[in-house]
């Protein structure tokens, strides 16, 4: 199978490894989803987009993928936010689950196969906690239950932390009943006004980390293939999750751990706690969703990505170039038939080159570089064909356009009809620049009349006047179209 050539960077071993499924031909992928106490921010959106593309590509390569991404709907942050708004925590969480689903659809994220919520999996959570207590790796303390880090020898094997160094400066905080500073809560005793469930240790609610252990085991088994999330989750969340899962089952939790790099805003890590957050829905008011996806994918998922207005503007201009190219190609070959035969030059190589880049740790930046070459060839074949054989040119354009459609299903780009995307892009630019559309249309009509009368000097003068207004015009086979020129 061609998919056996995929290599991915494993955080556990800190090196690239060949992807070998637990079950041949099948893959289980678990990605830590949002804690639904507020709207999702673009740092989260970058992570979810990266894994959306990973799952799409694995399916393209022929794997039967089960994709699980959870909702944390029971958490300290949710309780605090609910207290501030006067809502019940469960109601606030449900509201932000729906908000996340809206934002995810807007960003063209696939719906996972399973989207479990913590509140729906209390029995599974209690079962794992019970196993850990029975094995002596966890202990009850005044209604709380804690995982004993010192009783699990492999703790910190994912994050590569030193336990003695971690202990320096750590203290048992007031209200905590744990024995040692590094021990972490599996179950928290109920407090007034908080959601709670019955348990063998008294009423309470789950700690943060235990939820993913329970939900991943429920839907993917004790051992599955890929566990993903943001870089900030390596410690403590993934470290704790790994420890409790493997201590309970005696099995390896995940074969491969993948982590997405930070998104930086003005040199600082994107973080709600730092107060430098840009919400996804706010970003989508400023930039097209596909352009935002392109921006995220233009840098390798493991590398840091600097968020800036210029970066978004450049991404939108690039998407405009892509869609303008597709519009020209569709006008040229749409609905036409071409005799079977060879393709021009090395046009057949692009899909293979694209897969080579993606096979190498899902290198979307390299894959987009391959696409740039593909679009350059399409533009050359439309604007300045290097050969006179029209059938050869048409056949090649048709094949390249089909490659773009295949790539579209993997990257979540180029999903719209070019004319619709370009019109929406123009309308937004008109609004941003405050252009008088009626005046533009009047000048366009006058230029069309001048061209019809073969008064090319007047047509050129009108083109210049349009240019002074910030308007570019393009004479195409389907007629003359216009767009808002990018700022100087």
Protein backbone atom coordinates (compact mmCIF):
# COMPACT_ATOMS: atom_id res chain seq x y z
CA UNK A 1 0.00 0.00 0.00
CA UNK A 2 1.35 3.44 -0.92
CA UNK A 3 0.25 4.80 2.44
CA UNK A 4 2.99 2.76 4.16
CA UNK A 5 5.46 5.44 3.04
CA UNK A 6 3.96 8.06 5.39
CA UNK A 7 6.39 9.26 8.04
CA UNK A 8 5.39 11.41 10.99
CA UNK A 9 7.22 13.07 13.85
CA UNK A 10 6.55 11.26 17.12
CA UNK A 11 6.86 13.50 20.19
CA UNK A 12 7.52 10.39 22.30
CA UNK A 13 10.70 9.46 20.41
CA UNK A 14 11.46 12.97 19.07
CA UNK A 15 12.04 11.61 15.57
CA UNK A 16 10.18 10.77 12.39
CA UNK A 17 8.81 7.26 12.19
CA UNK A 18 7.03 5.25 9.51
CA UNK A 19 3.31 5.05 10.17
CA UNK A 20 2.40 1.44 10.99
CA UNK A 21 -1.24 1.03 12.10
CA UNK A 22 -2.29 -1.08 15.05
CA UNK A 23 -4.79 -2.74 12.69
CA UNK A 24 -3.66 -2.88 9.03
CA UNK A 25 -5.59 -0.45 6.88
CA UNK A 26 -7.29 1.24 9.84
CA UNK A 27 -6.29 4.22 11.99
CA UNK A 28 -7.64 5.60 15.24
CA UNK A 29 -6.97 9.33 15.73
CA UNK A 30 -7.78 11.18 18.95
CA UNK A 31 -7.40 14.97 19.14
CA UNK A 32 -8.00 16.95 22.32
CA UNK A 33 -10.87 19.29 21.56
CA UNK A 34 -11.96 22.61 23.07
CA UNK A 35 -12.82 23.41 26.66
CA UNK A 36 -16.14 25.08 25.97
CA UNK A 37 -16.18 28.06 28.33
CA UNK A 38 -15.73 30.71 25.61
CA UNK A 39 -15.39 31.10 21.86
CA UNK A 40 -12.52 29.22 20.25
CA UNK A 41 -9.45 31.31 19.44
CA UNK A 42 -7.27 31.11 16.36
CA UNK A 43 -4.50 29.27 18.18
CA UNK A 44 -6.94 26.40 18.75
CA UNK A 45 -8.24 26.82 15.20
CA UNK A 46 -4.76 26.30 13.78
CA UNK A 47 -4.42 23.02 15.71
CA UNK A 48 -7.83 21.77 14.63
CA UNK A 49 -7.17 22.74 11.00
CA UNK A 50 -3.83 20.92 11.03
CA UNK A 51 -5.41 17.69 12.26
CA UNK A 52 -8.37 18.14 9.92
CA UNK A 53 -5.87 18.00 7.05
CA UNK A 54 -4.03 15.05 8.62
CA UNK A 55 -7.27 13.05 8.75
CA UNK A 56 -8.29 14.08 5.23
CA UNK A 57 -4.89 13.05 3.88
CA UNK A 58 -4.85 9.71 5.67
CA UNK A 59 -8.23 8.93 4.11
CA UNK A 60 -6.93 10.05 0.71
CA UNK A 61 -4.13 7.53 1.15
CA UNK A 62 -6.64 4.75 1.65
CA UNK A 63 -6.83 4.38 5.42
CA UNK A 64 -10.13 3.75 7.18
CA UNK A 65 -9.83 6.49 9.82
CA UNK A 66 -11.89 6.83 12.99
CA UNK A 67 -11.48 10.45 14.06
CA UNK A 68 -12.39 11.40 17.64
CA UNK A 69 -12.27 14.99 18.97
CA UNK A 70 -13.80 15.62 22.38
CA UNK A 71 -15.53 18.48 24.13
CA UNK A 72 -14.46 19.29 27.68
CA UNK A 73 -17.80 20.42 29.12
CA UNK A 74 -16.95 19.85 32.82
CA UNK A 75 -14.06 22.00 34.02
CA UNK A 76 -12.97 24.67 36.51
CA UNK A 77 -12.93 27.33 33.77
CA UNK A 78 -16.50 26.51 32.78
CA UNK A 79 -17.65 26.77 36.39
CA UNK A 80 -15.92 30.13 36.81
CA UNK A 81 -17.35 31.49 33.55
CA UNK A 82 -20.84 30.32 34.54
CA UNK A 83 -20.55 32.08 37.88
CA UNK A 84 -19.67 35.30 36.06
CA UNK A 85 -22.65 35.06 33.68
CA UNK A 86 -25.15 33.62 36.15
CA UNK A 87 -25.75 30.55 33.98
CA UNK A 88 -25.72 26.93 35.01
CA UNK A 89 -22.34 25.44 34.02
CA UNK A 90 -24.00 22.76 31.88
CA UNK A 91 -26.03 25.41 30.01
CA UNK A 92 -22.98 27.60 29.37
CA UNK A 93 -21.00 24.62 28.11
CA UNK A 94 -23.83 23.55 25.78
CA UNK A 95 -24.03 27.09 24.37
CA UNK A 96 -20.33 27.17 23.55
CA UNK A 97 -20.41 23.66 22.07
CA UNK A 98 -22.88 24.98 19.50
CA UNK A 99 -20.77 28.10 18.97
CA UNK A 100 -17.74 25.92 18.31
CA UNK A 101 -19.67 23.82 15.80
CA UNK A 102 -20.67 27.00 13.95
CA UNK A 103 -17.07 28.22 13.88
CA UNK A 104 -15.80 24.80 12.78
CA UNK A 105 -18.22 24.70 9.85
CA UNK A 106 -17.20 28.23 8.86
CA UNK A 107 -13.56 27.11 8.78
CA UNK A 108 -14.48 24.07 6.64
CA UNK A 109 -13.48 21.58 9.36
CA UNK A 110 -14.82 18.07 8.88
CA UNK A 111 -17.13 16.82 11.60
CA UNK A 112 -15.24 14.08 13.51
CA UNK A 113 -16.66 10.57 13.51
CA UNK A 114 -17.21 10.95 17.26
CA UNK A 115 -17.43 14.18 19.27
CA UNK A 116 -17.84 12.94 22.85
CA UNK A 117 -18.55 15.15 25.87
CA UNK A 118 -17.14 14.56 29.34
CA UNK A 119 -20.59 14.79 30.94
CA UNK A 120 -21.79 11.82 28.87
CA UNK A 121 -18.94 9.53 29.96
CA UNK A 122 -18.95 9.56 33.75
CA UNK A 123 -19.36 5.75 34.05
CA UNK A 124 -16.26 5.18 31.90
CA UNK A 125 -14.33 7.71 33.96
CA UNK A 126 -15.34 6.09 37.24
CA UNK A 127 -14.34 2.65 35.93
CA UNK A 128 -10.77 3.78 35.14
CA UNK A 129 -10.41 5.62 38.44
CA UNK A 130 -11.57 2.47 40.24
CA UNK A 131 -8.92 0.38 38.45
CA UNK A 132 -6.19 2.88 39.41
CA UNK A 133 -7.29 2.85 43.06
CA UNK A 134 -7.39 -0.97 43.09
CA UNK A 135 -3.86 -1.10 41.65
CA UNK A 136 -2.56 1.28 44.31
CA UNK A 137 -1.56 3.95 41.78
CA UNK A 138 -4.31 6.29 42.97
CA UNK A 139 -5.71 7.10 46.40
CA UNK A 140 -8.85 8.63 47.87
CA UNK A 141 -8.55 11.60 50.18
CA UNK A 142 -11.57 13.30 51.78
CA UNK A 143 -13.78 12.84 48.72
CA UNK A 144 -11.04 13.57 46.18
CA UNK A 145 -9.10 10.92 44.28
CA UNK A 146 -5.51 11.56 43.19
CA UNK A 147 -3.04 9.82 40.91
CA UNK A 148 0.22 9.12 42.73
CA UNK A 149 2.97 10.20 40.37
CA UNK A 150 5.74 8.57 42.43
CA UNK A 151 4.02 5.17 42.10
CA UNK A 152 4.21 5.27 38.31
CA UNK A 153 7.89 4.85 37.30
CA UNK A 154 7.44 5.96 33.68
CA UNK A 155 5.95 9.35 34.53
CA UNK A 156 7.34 12.19 32.35
CA UNK A 157 8.47 9.88 29.52
CA UNK A 158 6.54 11.98 27.02
CA UNK A 159 7.57 15.44 28.20
CA UNK A 160 11.09 14.35 29.20
CA UNK A 161 10.80 16.31 32.46
CA UNK A 162 12.87 15.58 35.57
CA UNK A 163 10.63 14.75 38.54
CA UNK A 164 12.95 16.28 41.11
CA UNK A 165 13.13 19.52 39.14
CA UNK A 166 9.35 19.54 38.74
CA UNK A 167 8.98 19.29 42.50
CA UNK A 168 11.08 22.41 43.13
CA UNK A 169 8.77 25.24 44.11
CA UNK A 170 5.63 23.07 43.96
CA UNK A 171 3.34 23.11 46.98
CA UNK A 172 0.08 21.48 47.96
CA UNK A 173 -2.41 24.31 47.54
CA UNK A 174 -5.10 25.14 50.14
CA UNK A 175 -8.15 22.96 49.60
CA UNK A 176 -6.15 20.15 47.96
CA UNK A 177 -6.01 16.83 49.80
CA UNK A 178 -3.15 15.24 47.84
CA UNK A 179 -0.09 13.64 49.43
CA UNK A 180 2.57 15.11 47.16
CA UNK A 181 2.71 18.29 45.04
CA UNK A 182 2.90 16.49 41.67
CA UNK A 183 -0.07 14.22 42.32
CA UNK A 184 -3.04 15.24 40.19
CA UNK A 185 -6.79 14.97 40.65
CA UNK A 186 -8.78 12.18 39.04
CA UNK A 187 -11.96 13.04 40.94
CA UNK A 188 -12.89 16.23 42.80
CA UNK A 189 -15.30 16.25 45.72
CA UNK A 190 -18.50 18.20 45.11
CA UNK A 191 -18.74 21.85 46.08
CA UNK A 192 -21.89 23.96 46.36
CA UNK A 193 -23.13 25.22 43.00
CA UNK A 194 -20.94 22.88 40.95
CA UNK A 195 -22.13 19.99 38.77
CA UNK A 196 -21.60 16.63 40.46
CA UNK A 197 -22.23 12.92 40.07
CA UNK A 198 -22.31 10.04 42.55
CA UNK A 199 -19.18 7.92 42.90
CA UNK A 200 -17.71 5.32 45.27
CA UNK A 201 -15.76 8.19 46.88
CA UNK A 202 -18.71 10.51 47.27
CA UNK A 203 -20.39 13.04 44.97
CA UNK A 204 -18.04 15.00 42.75
CA UNK A 205 -16.81 15.57 39.23
CA UNK A 206 -13.89 14.42 37.07
CA UNK A 207 -10.49 16.06 37.04
CA UNK A 208 -9.32 17.44 33.72
CA UNK A 209 -6.99 14.69 32.49
CA UNK A 210 -9.03 11.55 33.17
CA UNK A 211 -11.70 12.49 30.63
CA UNK A 212 -9.52 11.85 27.55
CA UNK A 213 -8.34 8.51 28.90
CA UNK A 214 -11.95 7.39 29.26
CA UNK A 215 -13.19 8.69 25.92
CA UNK A 216 -10.24 7.51 23.83
CA UNK A 217 -10.54 4.00 25.31
CA UNK A 218 -14.30 3.96 24.73
CA UNK A 219 -14.07 4.76 21.02
CA UNK A 220 -10.56 3.67 19.98
CA UNK A 221 -9.52 0.99 22.48
CA UNK A 222 -6.75 0.79 25.05
CA UNK A 223 -4.12 1.25 22.32
CA UNK A 224 -4.71 3.39 19.26
CA UNK A 225 -2.61 5.01 16.56
CA UNK A 226 -2.34 8.81 16.75
CA UNK A 227 -2.92 11.18 19.65
CA UNK A 228 -2.81 14.86 18.79
CA UNK A 229 -3.15 18.30 20.25
CA UNK A 230 -1.38 21.59 20.73
CA UNK A 231 2.21 21.83 21.93
CA UNK A 232 1.01 23.30 25.22
CA UNK A 233 -0.78 20.04 26.06
CA UNK A 234 2.35 17.88 26.26
CA UNK A 235 2.70 18.79 29.93
CA UNK A 236 0.79 18.32 32.06
CA UNK A 237 -2.31 17.15 30.17
CA UNK A 238 -0.91 14.52 27.82
CA UNK A 239 1.70 13.39 30.34
CA UNK A 240 -0.97 12.80 32.95
CA UNK A 241 -3.36 11.23 30.48
CA UNK A 242 -0.68 8.81 29.30
CA UNK A 243 0.31 7.89 32.86
CA UNK A 244 -3.20 7.12 34.09
CA UNK A 245 -4.20 5.24 30.92
CA UNK A 246 -1.14 3.02 30.83
CA UNK A 247 -1.17 2.46 34.60
CA UNK A 248 -4.79 1.30 34.33
CA UNK A 249 -4.52 -0.86 31.21
CA UNK A 250 -0.89 -1.99 31.20
CA UNK A 251 -0.89 -1.18 27.47
CA UNK A 252 0.67 1.54 25.33
CA UNK A 253 -1.87 4.35 24.99
CA UNK A 254 -0.89 5.74 21.57
CA UNK A 255 1.75 4.68 19.07
CA UNK A 256 2.36 8.21 17.83
CA UNK A 257 2.03 11.58 19.56
CA UNK A 258 1.65 14.62 17.31
CA UNK A 259 1.72 18.22 18.53
CA UNK A 260 0.98 21.43 16.68
CA UNK A 261 3.25 24.45 17.20
CA UNK A 262 2.24 27.72 18.83
CA UNK A 263 0.58 30.57 17.03
CA UNK A 264 2.23 33.84 18.02
CA UNK A 265 0.58 37.25 18.22
CA UNK A 266 3.05 40.14 18.41
CA UNK A 267 5.73 37.78 19.66
CA UNK A 268 3.63 36.19 22.44
CA UNK A 269 2.08 32.74 22.49
CA UNK A 270 -1.64 32.87 21.69
CA UNK A 271 -3.29 32.29 25.05
CA UNK A 272 -6.56 33.25 26.71
CA UNK A 273 -4.72 33.58 30.00
CA UNK A 274 -2.35 36.18 28.53
CA UNK A 275 -5.22 38.27 27.25
CA UNK A 276 -3.81 38.37 23.69
CA UNK A 277 -6.56 36.30 22.13
CA UNK A 278 -8.08 36.68 18.68
CA UNK A 279 -11.25 34.65 18.43
CA UNK A 280 -11.79 32.58 15.31
CA UNK A 281 -15.13 34.19 14.51
CA UNK A 282 -13.51 37.63 14.78
CA UNK A 283 -10.76 36.58 12.39
CA UNK A 284 -13.34 35.26 9.92
CA UNK A 285 -14.93 38.70 9.84
CA UNK A 286 -11.61 40.07 8.57
CA UNK A 287 -10.47 37.34 6.21
CA UNK A 288 -12.02 34.63 4.05
CA UNK A 289 -12.21 31.19 5.67
CA UNK A 290 -10.19 29.49 2.92
CA UNK A 291 -7.58 32.24 3.12
CA UNK A 292 -7.30 31.62 6.86
CA UNK A 293 -6.88 27.89 6.20
CA UNK A 294 -4.20 28.70 3.60
CA UNK A 295 -2.47 30.92 6.18
CA UNK A 296 -2.45 28.09 8.73
CA UNK A 297 -1.21 25.51 6.20
CA UNK A 298 1.51 27.75 4.75
CA UNK A 299 3.74 26.81 7.70
CA UNK A 300 4.50 23.25 8.80
CA UNK A 301 2.17 22.23 11.61
CA UNK A 302 5.03 21.68 14.09
CA UNK A 303 6.56 25.12 13.53
CA UNK A 304 5.53 28.37 15.21
CA UNK A 305 3.33 30.65 13.11
CA UNK A 306 3.24 34.43 13.50
CA UNK A 307 -0.25 35.89 13.25
CA UNK A 308 -0.47 39.34 11.66
CA UNK A 309 -2.79 41.43 9.52
CA UNK A 310 -0.18 41.38 6.75
CA UNK A 311 -0.01 37.60 6.87
CA UNK A 312 -3.77 37.35 6.49
CA UNK A 313 -3.83 39.91 3.67
CA UNK A 314 -1.09 38.03 1.81
CA UNK A 315 -3.00 34.76 2.23
CA UNK A 316 -6.16 36.31 0.82
CA UNK A 317 -4.27 37.72 -2.18
CA UNK A 318 -2.81 34.30 -2.81
CA UNK A 319 -6.25 32.69 -2.69
CA UNK A 320 -7.50 35.35 -5.10
CA UNK A 321 -4.72 34.38 -7.51
CA UNK A 322 -5.68 30.72 -7.23
CA UNK A 323 -9.36 31.37 -7.84
CA UNK A 324 -8.67 33.73 -10.75
CA UNK A 325 -6.58 30.99 -12.32
CA UNK A 326 -9.34 28.43 -11.82
CA UNK A 327 -11.89 30.81 -13.34
CA UNK A 328 -9.75 31.16 -16.46
CA UNK A 329 -9.21 27.41 -16.72
CA UNK A 330 -12.92 26.67 -16.30
CA UNK A 331 -13.76 29.18 -19.04
CA UNK A 332 -11.20 27.54 -21.31
CA UNK A 333 -12.03 23.85 -20.85
CA UNK A 334 -15.44 23.75 -19.16
CA UNK A 335 -17.86 21.49 -21.03
CA UNK A 336 -15.39 20.74 -23.83
CA UNK A 337 -14.23 17.31 -24.93
CA UNK A 338 -10.62 16.49 -25.75
CA UNK A 339 -9.28 13.37 -27.41
CA UNK A 340 -7.26 11.05 -25.13
CA UNK A 341 -3.53 11.45 -25.41
CA UNK A 342 -0.34 12.62 -23.71
CA UNK A 343 -0.09 15.68 -21.47
CA UNK A 344 2.17 18.67 -21.97
CA UNK A 345 5.58 18.60 -20.28
CA UNK A 346 5.72 17.20 -16.77
CA UNK A 347 2.11 17.97 -15.88
CA UNK A 348 1.56 14.42 -14.63
CA UNK A 349 4.08 14.82 -11.82
CA UNK A 350 2.22 17.30 -9.61
CA UNK A 351 -0.01 14.89 -7.71
CA UNK A 352 2.89 12.56 -7.00
CA UNK A 353 5.01 15.50 -5.82
CA UNK A 354 2.16 16.72 -3.63
CA UNK A 355 1.87 13.28 -2.00
CA UNK A 356 5.64 13.11 -1.49
CA UNK A 357 5.49 16.32 0.53
CA UNK A 358 2.47 15.23 2.55
CA UNK A 359 3.96 11.77 3.16
CA UNK A 360 6.84 13.57 4.89
CA UNK A 361 5.18 14.43 8.22
CA UNK A 362 2.21 16.11 6.53
CA UNK A 363 4.32 18.94 5.13
CA UNK A 364 1.52 21.24 3.97
CA UNK A 365 3.96 24.08 3.30
CA UNK A 366 5.88 21.92 0.84
CA UNK A 367 2.62 20.69 -0.67
CA UNK A 368 1.49 24.27 -1.26
CA UNK A 369 4.82 24.89 -3.00
CA UNK A 370 3.99 22.06 -5.41
CA UNK A 371 0.57 23.63 -5.99
CA UNK A 372 2.23 26.92 -6.87
CA UNK A 373 4.03 25.16 -9.70
CA UNK A 374 0.79 23.55 -10.85
CA UNK A 375 -1.04 26.88 -10.96
CA UNK A 376 1.89 28.52 -12.75
CA UNK A 377 1.63 25.87 -15.48
CA UNK A 378 -2.13 26.40 -15.77
CA UNK A 379 -1.63 30.15 -16.17
CA UNK A 380 1.02 29.63 -18.81
CA UNK A 381 -1.17 27.23 -20.78
CA UNK A 382 -4.09 29.67 -20.70
CA UNK A 383 -2.25 32.95 -21.30
CA UNK A 384 0.80 31.99 -23.36
CA UNK A 385 0.60 28.36 -24.51
CA UNK A 386 4.08 27.08 -25.35
CA UNK A 387 2.60 24.69 -27.94
CA UNK A 388 0.07 25.16 -30.76
CA UNK A 389 -1.74 21.87 -30.26
CA UNK A 390 -5.04 23.08 -28.74
CA UNK A 391 -6.14 19.55 -27.88
CA UNK A 392 -2.89 18.95 -25.98
CA UNK A 393 -3.31 22.23 -24.09
CA UNK A 394 -6.96 21.53 -23.29
CA UNK A 395 -6.27 17.95 -22.21
CA UNK A 396 -3.47 19.11 -19.92
CA UNK A 397 -5.58 21.87 -18.38
CA UNK A 398 -8.38 19.39 -17.75
CA UNK A 399 -5.96 16.98 -16.01
CA UNK A 400 -4.47 19.75 -13.87
CA UNK A 401 -7.93 20.95 -12.92
CA UNK A 402 -8.79 17.44 -11.75
CA UNK A 403 -5.62 17.41 -9.63
CA UNK A 404 -6.82 20.62 -7.99
CA UNK A 405 -10.14 18.96 -7.17
CA UNK A 406 -8.32 16.05 -5.51
CA UNK A 407 -6.17 18.45 -3.51
CA UNK A 408 -9.27 20.43 -2.55
CA UNK A 409 -10.65 17.44 -0.66
CA UNK A 410 -7.39 17.13 1.27
CA UNK A 411 -6.59 20.76 2.13
CA UNK A 412 -10.13 22.09 2.34
CA UNK A 413 -9.25 24.78 -0.23
CA UNK A 414 -10.72 25.65 -3.66
CA UNK A 415 -14.09 24.26 -2.56
CA UNK A 416 -16.25 26.97 -4.13
CA UNK A 417 -17.09 27.96 -7.66
CA UNK A 418 -14.41 30.50 -8.68
CA UNK A 419 -16.92 33.17 -9.74
CA UNK A 420 -18.75 32.99 -6.40
CA UNK A 421 -15.58 33.21 -4.34
CA UNK A 422 -14.18 36.09 -6.41
CA UNK A 423 -17.45 38.04 -6.21
CA UNK A 424 -17.60 37.67 -2.43
CA UNK A 425 -13.97 38.71 -2.16
CA UNK A 426 -14.68 41.77 -4.31
CA UNK A 427 -17.74 42.75 -2.31
CA UNK A 428 -15.77 42.66 0.92
CA UNK A 429 -12.93 44.69 -0.59
CA UNK A 430 -15.43 47.25 -1.94
CA UNK A 431 -16.84 47.68 1.55
CA UNK A 432 -13.40 47.98 3.13
CA UNK A 433 -12.23 50.58 0.59
CA UNK A 434 -15.50 52.47 0.42
CA UNK A 435 -15.71 52.29 -3.38
CA UNK A 436 -18.63 53.80 -5.32
CA UNK A 437 -19.80 50.71 -7.21
CA UNK A 438 -22.28 52.68 -9.31
CA UNK A 439 -19.46 54.91 -10.55
CA UNK A 440 -17.28 51.90 -11.32
CA UNK A 441 -20.07 50.22 -13.30
CA UNK A 442 -20.71 53.48 -15.19
CA UNK A 443 -17.05 53.70 -16.23
CA UNK A 444 -17.02 50.00 -17.15
CA UNK A 445 -20.04 50.45 -19.41
CA UNK A 446 -18.47 53.52 -21.05
CA UNK A 447 -15.27 51.59 -21.69
CA UNK A 448 -17.24 48.72 -23.24
CA UNK A 449 -18.92 51.20 -25.61
CA UNK A 450 -15.55 52.74 -26.51
CA UNK A 451 -14.09 49.30 -27.31
CA UNK A 452 -17.17 48.44 -29.37
CA UNK A 453 -16.64 51.66 -31.36
CA UNK A 454 -12.91 50.81 -31.67
CA UNK A 455 -12.06 54.04 -29.82
CA UNK A 456 -9.14 52.41 -28.05
CA UNK A 457 -7.65 55.70 -26.87
CA UNK A 458 -10.86 56.45 -24.93
CA UNK A 459 -10.97 52.87 -23.64
CA UNK A 460 -7.43 53.24 -22.34
CA UNK A 461 -8.30 56.58 -20.73
CA UNK A 462 -11.24 54.98 -18.94
CA UNK A 463 -9.05 52.08 -17.80
CA UNK A 464 -6.69 54.66 -16.31
CA UNK A 465 -9.56 56.41 -14.51
CA UNK A 466 -10.70 53.09 -13.08
CA UNK A 467 -7.16 52.38 -11.97
CA UNK A 468 -7.04 55.71 -10.16
CA UNK A 469 -10.11 54.60 -8.20
CA UNK A 470 -8.31 51.43 -7.14
CA UNK A 471 -9.98 49.14 -9.69
CA UNK A 472 -8.30 46.56 -11.91
CA UNK A 473 -10.09 45.24 -15.00
CA UNK A 474 -9.52 42.02 -16.89
CA UNK A 475 -10.76 41.23 -20.38
CA UNK A 476 -11.64 37.53 -20.44
CA UNK A 477 -13.25 35.13 -22.91
CA UNK A 478 -16.48 35.48 -20.93
CA UNK A 479 -16.34 39.27 -20.89
CA UNK A 480 -14.72 42.02 -18.84
CA UNK A 481 -14.56 41.63 -15.06
CA UNK A 482 -13.19 43.93 -12.42
CA UNK A 483 -11.74 43.65 -8.95
CA UNK A 484 -10.44 45.93 -6.25
CA UNK A 485 -6.69 46.39 -6.61
CA UNK A 486 -4.59 45.48 -3.59
CA UNK A 487 -3.31 48.42 -1.52
CA UNK A 488 -0.04 49.88 -2.76
